[in-house]
N, C-alpha and C. Protein backbone atom coordinates (compact mmCIF):
# COMPACT_ATOMS: atom_id res chain seq x y z
N MET A 1 123.12 147.23 198.17
CA MET A 1 122.05 148.11 198.64
C MET A 1 121.03 148.27 197.51
N ALA A 2 119.75 148.21 197.87
CA ALA A 2 118.68 148.39 196.88
C ALA A 2 118.63 149.85 196.46
N LYS A 3 118.70 150.07 195.16
CA LYS A 3 118.60 151.42 194.62
C LYS A 3 117.17 151.77 194.25
N ILE A 4 116.33 150.74 194.09
CA ILE A 4 114.94 150.94 193.69
C ILE A 4 114.05 150.28 194.73
N ILE A 5 113.18 151.08 195.35
CA ILE A 5 112.24 150.59 196.36
C ILE A 5 110.84 150.78 195.81
N ALA A 6 110.07 149.70 195.75
CA ALA A 6 108.66 149.80 195.37
C ALA A 6 107.84 149.70 196.65
N VAL A 7 106.94 150.64 196.85
CA VAL A 7 106.05 150.64 198.01
C VAL A 7 104.70 150.10 197.54
N VAL A 8 104.26 149.00 198.14
CA VAL A 8 103.03 148.34 197.73
C VAL A 8 102.07 148.22 198.91
N GLY A 9 100.80 148.02 198.60
CA GLY A 9 99.78 147.85 199.62
C GLY A 9 98.43 148.19 199.02
N MET A 10 97.40 147.85 199.75
CA MET A 10 96.05 148.12 199.29
C MET A 10 95.74 149.61 199.44
N PRO A 11 94.70 150.11 198.73
CA PRO A 11 94.34 151.52 198.83
C PRO A 11 94.05 151.92 200.29
N GLY A 12 94.63 153.04 200.70
CA GLY A 12 94.40 153.56 202.04
C GLY A 12 95.33 153.00 203.09
N SER A 13 96.26 152.15 202.70
CA SER A 13 97.17 151.54 203.68
C SER A 13 98.22 152.53 204.19
N GLY A 14 98.49 153.58 203.42
CA GLY A 14 99.49 154.57 203.81
C GLY A 14 100.67 154.63 202.88
N LYS A 15 100.54 154.04 201.70
CA LYS A 15 101.64 154.01 200.74
C LYS A 15 102.17 155.40 200.41
N THR A 16 101.28 156.35 200.20
CA THR A 16 101.71 157.69 199.81
C THR A 16 102.58 158.32 200.89
N GLU A 17 102.20 158.14 202.15
CA GLU A 17 103.00 158.68 203.24
C GLU A 17 104.37 158.00 203.32
N VAL A 18 104.41 156.69 203.09
CA VAL A 18 105.69 155.97 203.10
C VAL A 18 106.56 156.46 201.95
N VAL A 19 105.96 156.60 200.78
CA VAL A 19 106.71 157.11 199.62
C VAL A 19 107.23 158.51 199.93
N ARG A 20 106.41 159.34 200.53
CA ARG A 20 106.83 160.71 200.87
C ARG A 20 108.08 160.68 201.76
N ARG A 21 108.10 159.78 202.71
CA ARG A 21 109.25 159.69 203.62
C ARG A 21 110.50 159.26 202.86
N PHE A 22 110.37 158.29 201.96
CA PHE A 22 111.53 157.89 201.14
C PHE A 22 112.00 159.06 200.28
N ALA A 23 111.06 159.80 199.69
CA ALA A 23 111.42 160.96 198.86
C ALA A 23 112.14 162.02 199.69
N GLU A 24 111.64 162.25 200.90
CA GLU A 24 112.30 163.22 201.79
C GLU A 24 113.71 162.77 202.18
N SER A 25 113.96 161.47 202.08
CA SER A 25 115.28 160.94 202.40
C SER A 25 116.20 160.88 201.19
N GLY A 26 115.76 161.45 200.06
CA GLY A 26 116.62 161.56 198.90
C GLY A 26 116.30 160.65 197.73
N TYR A 27 115.25 159.86 197.84
CA TYR A 27 114.85 159.00 196.72
C TYR A 27 114.05 159.82 195.70
N HIS A 28 114.28 159.55 194.42
CA HIS A 28 113.50 160.14 193.33
C HIS A 28 112.18 159.37 193.24
N ARG A 29 111.04 160.06 193.25
CA ARG A 29 109.73 159.42 193.23
C ARG A 29 109.27 159.18 191.80
N VAL A 30 108.86 157.93 191.53
CA VAL A 30 108.24 157.56 190.26
C VAL A 30 106.86 157.02 190.59
N TYR A 31 105.85 157.66 190.04
CA TYR A 31 104.45 157.30 190.31
C TYR A 31 103.88 156.56 189.11
N PHE A 32 103.67 155.24 189.25
CA PHE A 32 103.12 154.44 188.15
C PHE A 32 101.73 154.95 187.74
N GLY A 33 100.99 155.52 188.67
CA GLY A 33 99.66 156.05 188.37
C GLY A 33 99.66 157.14 187.32
N ASP A 34 100.82 157.79 187.10
CA ASP A 34 100.91 158.81 186.06
C ASP A 34 100.59 158.22 184.69
N VAL A 35 100.87 156.93 184.49
CA VAL A 35 100.54 156.28 183.23
C VAL A 35 99.03 156.34 183.01
N THR A 36 98.25 156.05 184.05
CA THR A 36 96.79 156.11 183.97
C THR A 36 96.32 157.53 183.70
N PHE A 37 96.82 158.48 184.50
CA PHE A 37 96.37 159.86 184.37
C PHE A 37 96.75 160.46 183.02
N ASP A 38 97.93 160.13 182.52
CA ASP A 38 98.34 160.61 181.20
C ASP A 38 97.39 160.09 180.12
N GLU A 39 97.01 158.81 180.23
CA GLU A 39 96.10 158.22 179.25
C GLU A 39 94.70 158.82 179.37
N MET A 40 94.22 159.05 180.59
CA MET A 40 92.91 159.66 180.78
C MET A 40 92.87 161.07 180.19
N LYS A 41 93.94 161.82 180.40
CA LYS A 41 94.02 163.17 179.82
C LYS A 41 94.02 163.10 178.30
N ARG A 42 94.80 162.16 177.77
CA ARG A 42 94.89 162.00 176.31
C ARG A 42 93.52 161.70 175.71
N LEU A 43 92.71 160.90 176.43
CA LEU A 43 91.39 160.52 175.94
C LEU A 43 90.30 161.50 176.34
N GLY A 44 90.64 162.52 177.15
CA GLY A 44 89.65 163.50 177.58
C GLY A 44 88.65 162.95 178.57
N LEU A 45 89.05 161.97 179.38
CA LEU A 45 88.15 161.37 180.37
C LEU A 45 88.13 162.16 181.66
N GLU A 46 86.98 162.20 182.30
CA GLU A 46 86.83 162.83 183.61
C GLU A 46 87.62 162.02 184.63
N MET A 47 88.29 162.74 185.55
CA MET A 47 89.07 162.09 186.61
C MET A 47 88.12 161.61 187.70
N ASN A 48 87.85 160.32 187.72
CA ASN A 48 87.05 159.71 188.79
C ASN A 48 87.45 158.25 188.93
N GLU A 49 87.00 157.61 190.01
CA GLU A 49 87.38 156.23 190.32
C GLU A 49 87.00 155.27 189.19
N ALA A 50 85.81 155.41 188.64
CA ALA A 50 85.36 154.49 187.59
C ALA A 50 86.26 154.59 186.35
N ASN A 51 86.55 155.82 185.90
CA ASN A 51 87.40 155.99 184.72
C ASN A 51 88.84 155.55 184.99
N GLU A 52 89.32 155.78 186.21
CA GLU A 52 90.68 155.32 186.56
C GLU A 52 90.75 153.80 186.44
N ARG A 53 89.78 153.11 187.04
CA ARG A 53 89.78 151.65 187.04
C ARG A 53 89.69 151.12 185.61
N ILE A 54 88.77 151.66 184.82
CA ILE A 54 88.60 151.21 183.44
C ILE A 54 89.89 151.43 182.64
N THR A 55 90.50 152.60 182.82
CA THR A 55 91.71 152.93 182.07
C THR A 55 92.87 152.03 182.45
N ARG A 56 93.12 151.85 183.74
CA ARG A 56 94.26 151.01 184.14
C ARG A 56 94.05 149.56 183.75
N GLU A 57 92.82 149.07 183.83
CA GLU A 57 92.56 147.68 183.43
C GLU A 57 92.71 147.52 181.92
N ARG A 58 92.28 148.53 181.14
CA ARG A 58 92.42 148.46 179.68
C ARG A 58 93.89 148.48 179.27
N ILE A 59 94.68 149.36 179.89
CA ILE A 59 96.11 149.42 179.57
C ILE A 59 96.76 148.07 179.81
N ARG A 60 96.46 147.49 180.96
CA ARG A 60 97.07 146.19 181.28
C ARG A 60 96.55 145.08 180.36
N LYS A 61 95.29 145.13 180.00
CA LYS A 61 94.73 144.11 179.10
C LYS A 61 95.38 144.22 177.72
N GLU A 62 95.55 145.43 177.23
CA GLU A 62 96.09 145.64 175.88
C GLU A 62 97.61 145.46 175.83
N GLN A 63 98.32 145.88 176.90
CA GLN A 63 99.78 145.90 176.85
C GLN A 63 100.45 144.91 177.80
N GLY A 64 99.64 144.18 178.56
CA GLY A 64 100.21 143.19 179.48
C GLY A 64 100.22 143.69 180.91
N MET A 65 100.21 142.74 181.82
CA MET A 65 100.14 143.07 183.24
C MET A 65 101.40 143.77 183.74
N GLU A 66 102.50 143.65 183.02
CA GLU A 66 103.73 144.33 183.42
C GLU A 66 103.87 145.70 182.76
N SER A 67 102.83 146.14 182.05
CA SER A 67 102.91 147.36 181.23
C SER A 67 103.28 148.61 182.03
N TYR A 68 102.79 148.75 183.25
CA TYR A 68 103.11 149.97 184.00
C TYR A 68 104.59 150.04 184.34
N ALA A 69 105.19 148.91 184.65
CA ALA A 69 106.63 148.88 184.90
C ALA A 69 107.39 149.23 183.63
N LYS A 70 106.97 148.64 182.52
CA LYS A 70 107.65 148.92 181.24
C LYS A 70 107.48 150.38 180.84
N LEU A 71 106.24 150.89 180.94
CA LEU A 71 105.97 152.27 180.53
C LEU A 71 106.65 153.29 181.46
N SER A 72 106.92 152.89 182.70
CA SER A 72 107.57 153.78 183.67
C SER A 72 109.09 153.62 183.69
N LEU A 73 109.61 152.67 182.94
CA LEU A 73 111.05 152.42 182.94
C LEU A 73 111.88 153.66 182.62
N PRO A 74 111.50 154.49 181.63
CA PRO A 74 112.29 155.71 181.39
C PRO A 74 112.34 156.63 182.61
N ARG A 75 111.23 156.73 183.35
CA ARG A 75 111.20 157.56 184.55
C ARG A 75 112.08 156.97 185.65
N ILE A 76 112.09 155.64 185.76
CA ILE A 76 112.95 154.98 186.75
C ILE A 76 114.42 155.23 186.41
N GLU A 77 114.77 155.01 185.16
CA GLU A 77 116.16 155.21 184.74
C GLU A 77 116.59 156.65 184.88
N GLU A 78 115.68 157.59 184.60
CA GLU A 78 115.98 159.02 184.78
C GLU A 78 116.26 159.32 186.26
N GLY A 79 115.45 158.76 187.15
CA GLY A 79 115.66 158.95 188.58
C GLY A 79 116.98 158.37 189.05
N LEU A 80 117.33 157.20 188.53
CA LEU A 80 118.62 156.60 188.89
C LEU A 80 119.78 157.48 188.44
N LYS A 81 119.65 158.07 187.25
CA LYS A 81 120.71 158.96 186.76
C LYS A 81 120.79 160.24 187.59
N LYS A 82 119.62 160.78 187.98
CA LYS A 82 119.59 162.04 188.73
C LYS A 82 120.13 161.90 190.13
N VAL A 83 119.61 160.92 190.90
CA VAL A 83 119.96 160.85 192.32
C VAL A 83 120.48 159.48 192.76
N GLY A 84 120.43 158.49 191.88
CA GLY A 84 120.99 157.19 192.20
C GLY A 84 120.08 156.23 192.95
N LYS A 85 118.87 156.70 193.31
CA LYS A 85 117.93 155.81 194.00
C LYS A 85 116.51 156.30 193.74
N VAL A 86 115.59 155.32 193.62
CA VAL A 86 114.22 155.60 193.20
C VAL A 86 113.25 154.91 194.15
N VAL A 87 112.15 155.60 194.46
CA VAL A 87 111.03 154.98 195.16
C VAL A 87 109.85 154.98 194.20
N ILE A 88 109.23 153.81 194.06
CA ILE A 88 108.10 153.64 193.14
C ILE A 88 106.81 153.61 193.94
N GLU A 89 105.87 154.43 193.51
CA GLU A 89 104.52 154.45 194.10
C GLU A 89 103.53 153.89 193.07
N SER A 90 102.59 153.11 193.55
CA SER A 90 101.51 152.52 192.74
C SER A 90 101.97 151.34 191.89
N HIS A 91 102.94 150.61 192.39
CA HIS A 91 103.32 149.32 191.81
C HIS A 91 102.24 148.34 192.26
N TYR A 92 101.64 147.61 191.34
CA TYR A 92 100.53 146.73 191.69
C TYR A 92 100.76 145.26 191.35
N SER A 93 100.89 144.92 190.10
CA SER A 93 100.77 143.53 189.68
C SER A 93 102.03 142.71 189.96
N PHE A 94 101.81 141.40 190.09
CA PHE A 94 102.91 140.47 190.28
C PHE A 94 103.80 140.46 189.04
N GLU A 95 103.21 140.67 187.88
CA GLU A 95 103.98 140.72 186.64
C GLU A 95 104.91 141.93 186.64
N GLU A 96 104.46 143.06 187.19
CA GLU A 96 105.34 144.23 187.33
C GLU A 96 106.50 143.89 188.25
N TYR A 97 106.19 143.20 189.35
CA TYR A 97 107.23 142.79 190.30
C TYR A 97 108.27 141.92 189.59
N LYS A 98 107.81 140.90 188.86
CA LYS A 98 108.75 139.99 188.20
C LYS A 98 109.59 140.73 187.15
N PHE A 99 108.96 141.65 186.41
CA PHE A 99 109.69 142.43 185.41
C PHE A 99 110.80 143.24 186.07
N LEU A 100 110.46 143.96 187.15
CA LEU A 100 111.45 144.80 187.82
C LEU A 100 112.52 143.96 188.52
N LYS A 101 112.13 142.86 189.13
CA LYS A 101 113.10 141.99 189.81
C LYS A 101 114.08 141.40 188.81
N GLU A 102 113.56 140.96 187.65
CA GLU A 102 114.43 140.41 186.62
C GLU A 102 115.38 141.47 186.07
N ARG A 103 114.86 142.66 185.87
CA ARG A 103 115.67 143.74 185.29
C ARG A 103 116.71 144.29 186.27
N PHE A 104 116.33 144.45 187.56
CA PHE A 104 117.21 145.13 188.51
C PHE A 104 117.79 144.23 189.60
N GLY A 105 117.30 143.01 189.73
CA GLY A 105 117.86 142.06 190.70
C GLY A 105 117.90 142.60 192.11
N LYS A 106 119.07 142.50 192.73
CA LYS A 106 119.24 142.93 194.13
C LYS A 106 119.15 144.44 194.31
N GLU A 107 119.14 145.18 193.22
CA GLU A 107 118.97 146.64 193.31
C GLU A 107 117.50 147.02 193.52
N PHE A 108 116.60 146.03 193.50
CA PHE A 108 115.16 146.25 193.63
C PHE A 108 114.65 145.57 194.90
N ALA A 109 113.91 146.32 195.72
CA ALA A 109 113.30 145.77 196.94
C ALA A 109 111.88 146.30 197.06
N VAL A 110 111.07 145.58 197.84
CA VAL A 110 109.66 145.93 198.01
C VAL A 110 109.36 146.17 199.49
N VAL A 111 108.65 147.26 199.76
CA VAL A 111 108.12 147.57 201.09
C VAL A 111 106.61 147.47 201.00
N ALA A 112 106.01 146.56 201.78
CA ALA A 112 104.55 146.42 201.82
C ALA A 112 104.03 147.20 203.02
N VAL A 113 102.97 147.98 202.79
CA VAL A 113 102.31 148.73 203.86
C VAL A 113 100.95 148.08 204.07
N MET A 114 100.71 147.66 205.30
CA MET A 114 99.50 146.91 205.62
C MET A 114 98.63 147.69 206.61
N ALA A 115 97.31 147.60 206.43
CA ALA A 115 96.34 148.14 207.38
C ALA A 115 95.03 147.38 207.14
N SER A 116 94.22 147.30 208.18
CA SER A 116 92.94 146.59 208.07
C SER A 116 92.00 147.32 207.11
N PRO A 117 91.03 146.59 206.52
CA PRO A 117 90.05 147.28 205.67
C PRO A 117 89.34 148.41 206.40
N GLU A 118 88.97 148.20 207.65
CA GLU A 118 88.27 149.25 208.41
C GLU A 118 89.11 150.53 208.46
N THR A 119 90.38 150.39 208.78
CA THR A 119 91.28 151.55 208.85
C THR A 119 91.45 152.18 207.48
N ARG A 120 91.67 151.35 206.48
CA ARG A 120 91.91 151.87 205.12
C ARG A 120 90.69 152.60 204.58
N TYR A 121 89.49 152.02 204.77
CA TYR A 121 88.28 152.64 204.24
C TYR A 121 88.01 153.97 204.92
N ARG A 122 88.26 154.05 206.22
CA ARG A 122 88.08 155.31 206.94
C ARG A 122 89.01 156.37 206.37
N ARG A 123 90.26 156.01 206.12
CA ARG A 123 91.21 156.96 205.54
C ARG A 123 90.77 157.42 204.16
N LEU A 124 90.32 156.46 203.35
CA LEU A 124 89.92 156.80 201.97
C LEU A 124 88.67 157.66 201.91
N GLU A 125 87.75 157.46 202.86
CA GLU A 125 86.53 158.26 202.89
C GLU A 125 86.82 159.72 203.26
N HIS A 126 87.91 159.94 203.99
CA HIS A 126 88.20 161.29 204.50
C HIS A 126 89.41 161.96 203.84
N ARG A 127 90.00 161.33 202.84
CA ARG A 127 91.16 161.96 202.21
C ARG A 127 90.69 163.13 201.35
N PRO A 128 91.50 164.19 201.27
CA PRO A 128 91.08 165.38 200.53
C PRO A 128 91.01 165.19 199.02
N ALA A 129 91.91 164.39 198.45
CA ALA A 129 91.91 164.18 197.00
C ALA A 129 91.28 162.83 196.69
N ARG A 130 90.31 162.81 195.81
CA ARG A 130 89.65 161.61 195.34
C ARG A 130 89.11 160.73 196.49
N PRO A 131 88.29 161.29 197.38
CA PRO A 131 87.71 160.47 198.45
C PRO A 131 86.79 159.39 197.86
N LEU A 132 86.68 158.27 198.57
CA LEU A 132 85.86 157.15 198.12
C LEU A 132 84.84 156.78 199.18
N THR A 133 83.68 156.32 198.74
CA THR A 133 82.69 155.79 199.68
C THR A 133 83.13 154.38 200.08
N GLN A 134 82.51 153.83 201.12
CA GLN A 134 82.85 152.48 201.54
C GLN A 134 82.60 151.49 200.40
N SER A 135 81.50 151.65 199.70
CA SER A 135 81.20 150.76 198.59
C SER A 135 82.28 150.85 197.50
N GLU A 136 82.71 152.06 197.17
CA GLU A 136 83.79 152.23 196.19
C GLU A 136 85.08 151.59 196.68
N CYS A 137 85.36 151.71 197.98
CA CYS A 137 86.56 151.09 198.56
C CYS A 137 86.52 149.58 198.38
N GLU A 138 85.38 148.99 198.72
CA GLU A 138 85.24 147.54 198.62
C GLU A 138 85.39 147.07 197.17
N HIS A 139 84.75 147.78 196.24
CA HIS A 139 84.86 147.42 194.83
C HIS A 139 86.30 147.59 194.32
N ARG A 140 86.97 148.63 194.78
CA ARG A 140 88.35 148.84 194.34
C ARG A 140 89.26 147.73 194.86
N ASP A 141 89.07 147.34 196.11
CA ASP A 141 89.87 146.23 196.67
C ASP A 141 89.71 144.98 195.81
N VAL A 142 88.47 144.60 195.54
CA VAL A 142 88.21 143.38 194.78
C VAL A 142 88.81 143.50 193.37
N ALA A 143 88.61 144.64 192.74
CA ALA A 143 89.15 144.85 191.39
C ALA A 143 90.67 144.77 191.38
N GLN A 144 91.30 145.35 192.37
CA GLN A 144 92.76 145.37 192.38
C GLN A 144 93.34 143.99 192.69
N ILE A 145 92.66 143.23 193.53
CA ILE A 145 93.13 141.87 193.81
C ILE A 145 92.86 140.95 192.62
N ASP A 146 91.63 140.96 192.11
CA ASP A 146 91.23 140.06 191.02
C ASP A 146 91.84 140.45 189.68
N ASN A 147 91.78 141.72 189.34
CA ASN A 147 92.15 142.14 188.00
C ASN A 147 93.58 142.62 187.87
N LEU A 148 94.17 143.10 188.96
CA LEU A 148 95.51 143.67 188.88
C LEU A 148 96.57 142.80 189.54
N HIS A 149 96.16 141.65 190.08
CA HIS A 149 97.10 140.70 190.68
C HIS A 149 97.95 141.35 191.77
N GLN A 150 97.32 142.17 192.59
CA GLN A 150 98.03 142.98 193.56
C GLN A 150 98.60 142.19 194.74
N GLY A 151 98.09 141.00 194.99
CA GLY A 151 98.56 140.24 196.14
C GLY A 151 100.00 139.77 196.03
N GLY A 152 100.47 139.46 194.82
CA GLY A 152 101.82 138.93 194.63
C GLY A 152 102.93 139.81 195.17
N PRO A 153 103.00 141.08 194.77
CA PRO A 153 104.06 141.94 195.29
C PRO A 153 104.00 142.13 196.81
N ILE A 154 102.78 142.15 197.35
CA ILE A 154 102.63 142.29 198.80
C ILE A 154 103.22 141.05 199.47
N ALA A 155 102.91 139.88 198.94
CA ALA A 155 103.42 138.63 199.52
C ALA A 155 104.94 138.51 199.41
N MET A 156 105.54 139.12 198.39
CA MET A 156 106.98 139.00 198.16
C MET A 156 107.78 140.14 198.80
N ALA A 157 107.15 140.94 199.61
CA ALA A 157 107.82 142.12 200.19
C ALA A 157 109.06 141.75 200.98
N ASP A 158 110.08 142.59 200.82
CA ASP A 158 111.31 142.46 201.60
C ASP A 158 111.15 143.06 202.99
N PHE A 159 110.27 144.06 203.10
CA PHE A 159 109.99 144.75 204.36
C PHE A 159 108.48 144.94 204.48
N VAL A 160 107.95 144.90 205.71
CA VAL A 160 106.52 145.09 205.94
C VAL A 160 106.33 146.13 207.04
N ILE A 161 105.44 147.08 206.77
CA ILE A 161 105.04 148.08 207.76
C ILE A 161 103.57 147.86 208.06
N VAL A 162 103.23 147.59 209.32
CA VAL A 162 101.83 147.51 209.74
C VAL A 162 101.46 148.91 210.18
N ASN A 163 100.58 149.56 209.41
CA ASN A 163 100.27 150.98 209.61
C ASN A 163 98.88 151.16 210.21
N GLU A 164 98.74 150.77 211.46
CA GLU A 164 97.48 150.94 212.20
C GLU A 164 97.61 152.02 213.26
N GLY A 165 98.82 152.54 213.47
CA GLY A 165 99.05 153.51 214.53
C GLY A 165 99.08 154.94 214.02
N THR A 166 99.96 155.70 214.63
CA THR A 166 100.07 157.12 214.30
C THR A 166 101.01 157.34 213.12
N LEU A 167 100.97 158.54 212.58
CA LEU A 167 101.90 158.91 211.52
C LEU A 167 103.33 158.80 212.04
N SER A 168 103.56 159.17 213.27
CA SER A 168 104.88 159.07 213.87
C SER A 168 105.36 157.62 213.91
N ASP A 169 104.47 156.69 214.24
CA ASP A 169 104.82 155.26 214.24
C ASP A 169 105.25 154.82 212.85
N MET A 170 104.51 155.25 211.84
CA MET A 170 104.83 154.88 210.48
C MET A 170 106.18 155.46 210.05
N ILE A 171 106.43 156.72 210.40
CA ILE A 171 107.71 157.35 210.07
C ILE A 171 108.86 156.60 210.73
N ASN A 172 108.67 156.19 211.97
CA ASN A 172 109.71 155.42 212.66
C ASN A 172 109.97 154.10 211.95
N ALA A 173 108.92 153.45 211.45
CA ALA A 173 109.09 152.19 210.71
C ALA A 173 109.87 152.42 209.42
N VAL A 174 109.55 153.49 208.71
CA VAL A 174 110.29 153.80 207.47
C VAL A 174 111.74 154.12 207.80
N ASN A 175 111.97 154.88 208.84
CA ASN A 175 113.35 155.20 209.22
C ASN A 175 114.15 153.94 209.54
N ALA A 176 113.52 152.96 210.16
CA ALA A 176 114.20 151.70 210.46
C ALA A 176 114.57 150.97 209.17
N ILE A 177 113.66 151.00 208.19
CA ILE A 177 113.96 150.37 206.90
C ILE A 177 115.09 151.12 206.19
N LEU A 178 115.04 152.44 206.21
CA LEU A 178 116.10 153.23 205.58
C LEU A 178 117.46 152.91 206.22
N LYS A 179 117.47 152.79 207.51
CA LYS A 179 118.73 152.46 208.22
C LYS A 179 119.21 151.07 207.83
N THR A 180 118.29 150.11 207.83
CA THR A 180 118.63 148.74 207.47
C THR A 180 119.08 148.66 206.02
N ASN A 181 118.36 149.33 205.14
CA ASN A 181 118.63 149.26 203.72
C ASN A 181 119.99 149.85 203.37
N THR A 182 120.54 150.70 204.20
CA THR A 182 121.85 151.28 203.89
C THR A 182 123.00 150.44 204.43
N THR A 183 122.68 149.40 205.20
CA THR A 183 123.75 148.64 205.81
C THR A 183 123.83 147.18 205.39
N ILE A 184 122.81 146.65 204.71
CA ILE A 184 122.86 145.26 204.28
C ILE A 184 122.50 145.12 202.81
N GLU A 185 122.96 144.06 202.21
CA GLU A 185 122.57 143.72 200.84
C GLU A 185 121.25 142.99 200.90
N LEU A 186 120.36 143.29 199.99
CA LEU A 186 119.06 142.61 199.94
C LEU A 186 119.13 141.46 198.95
């Protein structure tokens, strides 16, 4: 059984809601984005999309594309000790995927959350925290694909949720994965 689940997908696909459902089911949540926010706070940077992008790209450039997985490893191990299973939010690069897969093997699985750009951009424009304009959404997509190698983990997903429907539909999809994940080896 996979003890570590990484939830991947493009911005606005519904990753946070999927992670929330895993957390409600007893998984310890590890948010890779905390690495960015901790660094922004340390540098006294304003919290906005431009500074987030610059900071996460700089961290990866200076410390390697797998840096967020490495820097979050203590949080992952702490979660495994506390509750025995972890859900990772904001896993992006293929290098992070390879690092975690090599380190945890069959104990690591990936859930990809998919939604069309139209659906994702609408969600991002109307979210209460850090809303984005359509132009910001488009730029973030390109930056995350080109600079963060985000396509690899999505392509290697063990499970896929197409999140174009209702919240209830998405919850049902997560519940099916939770049921499957408790009964088979990945």
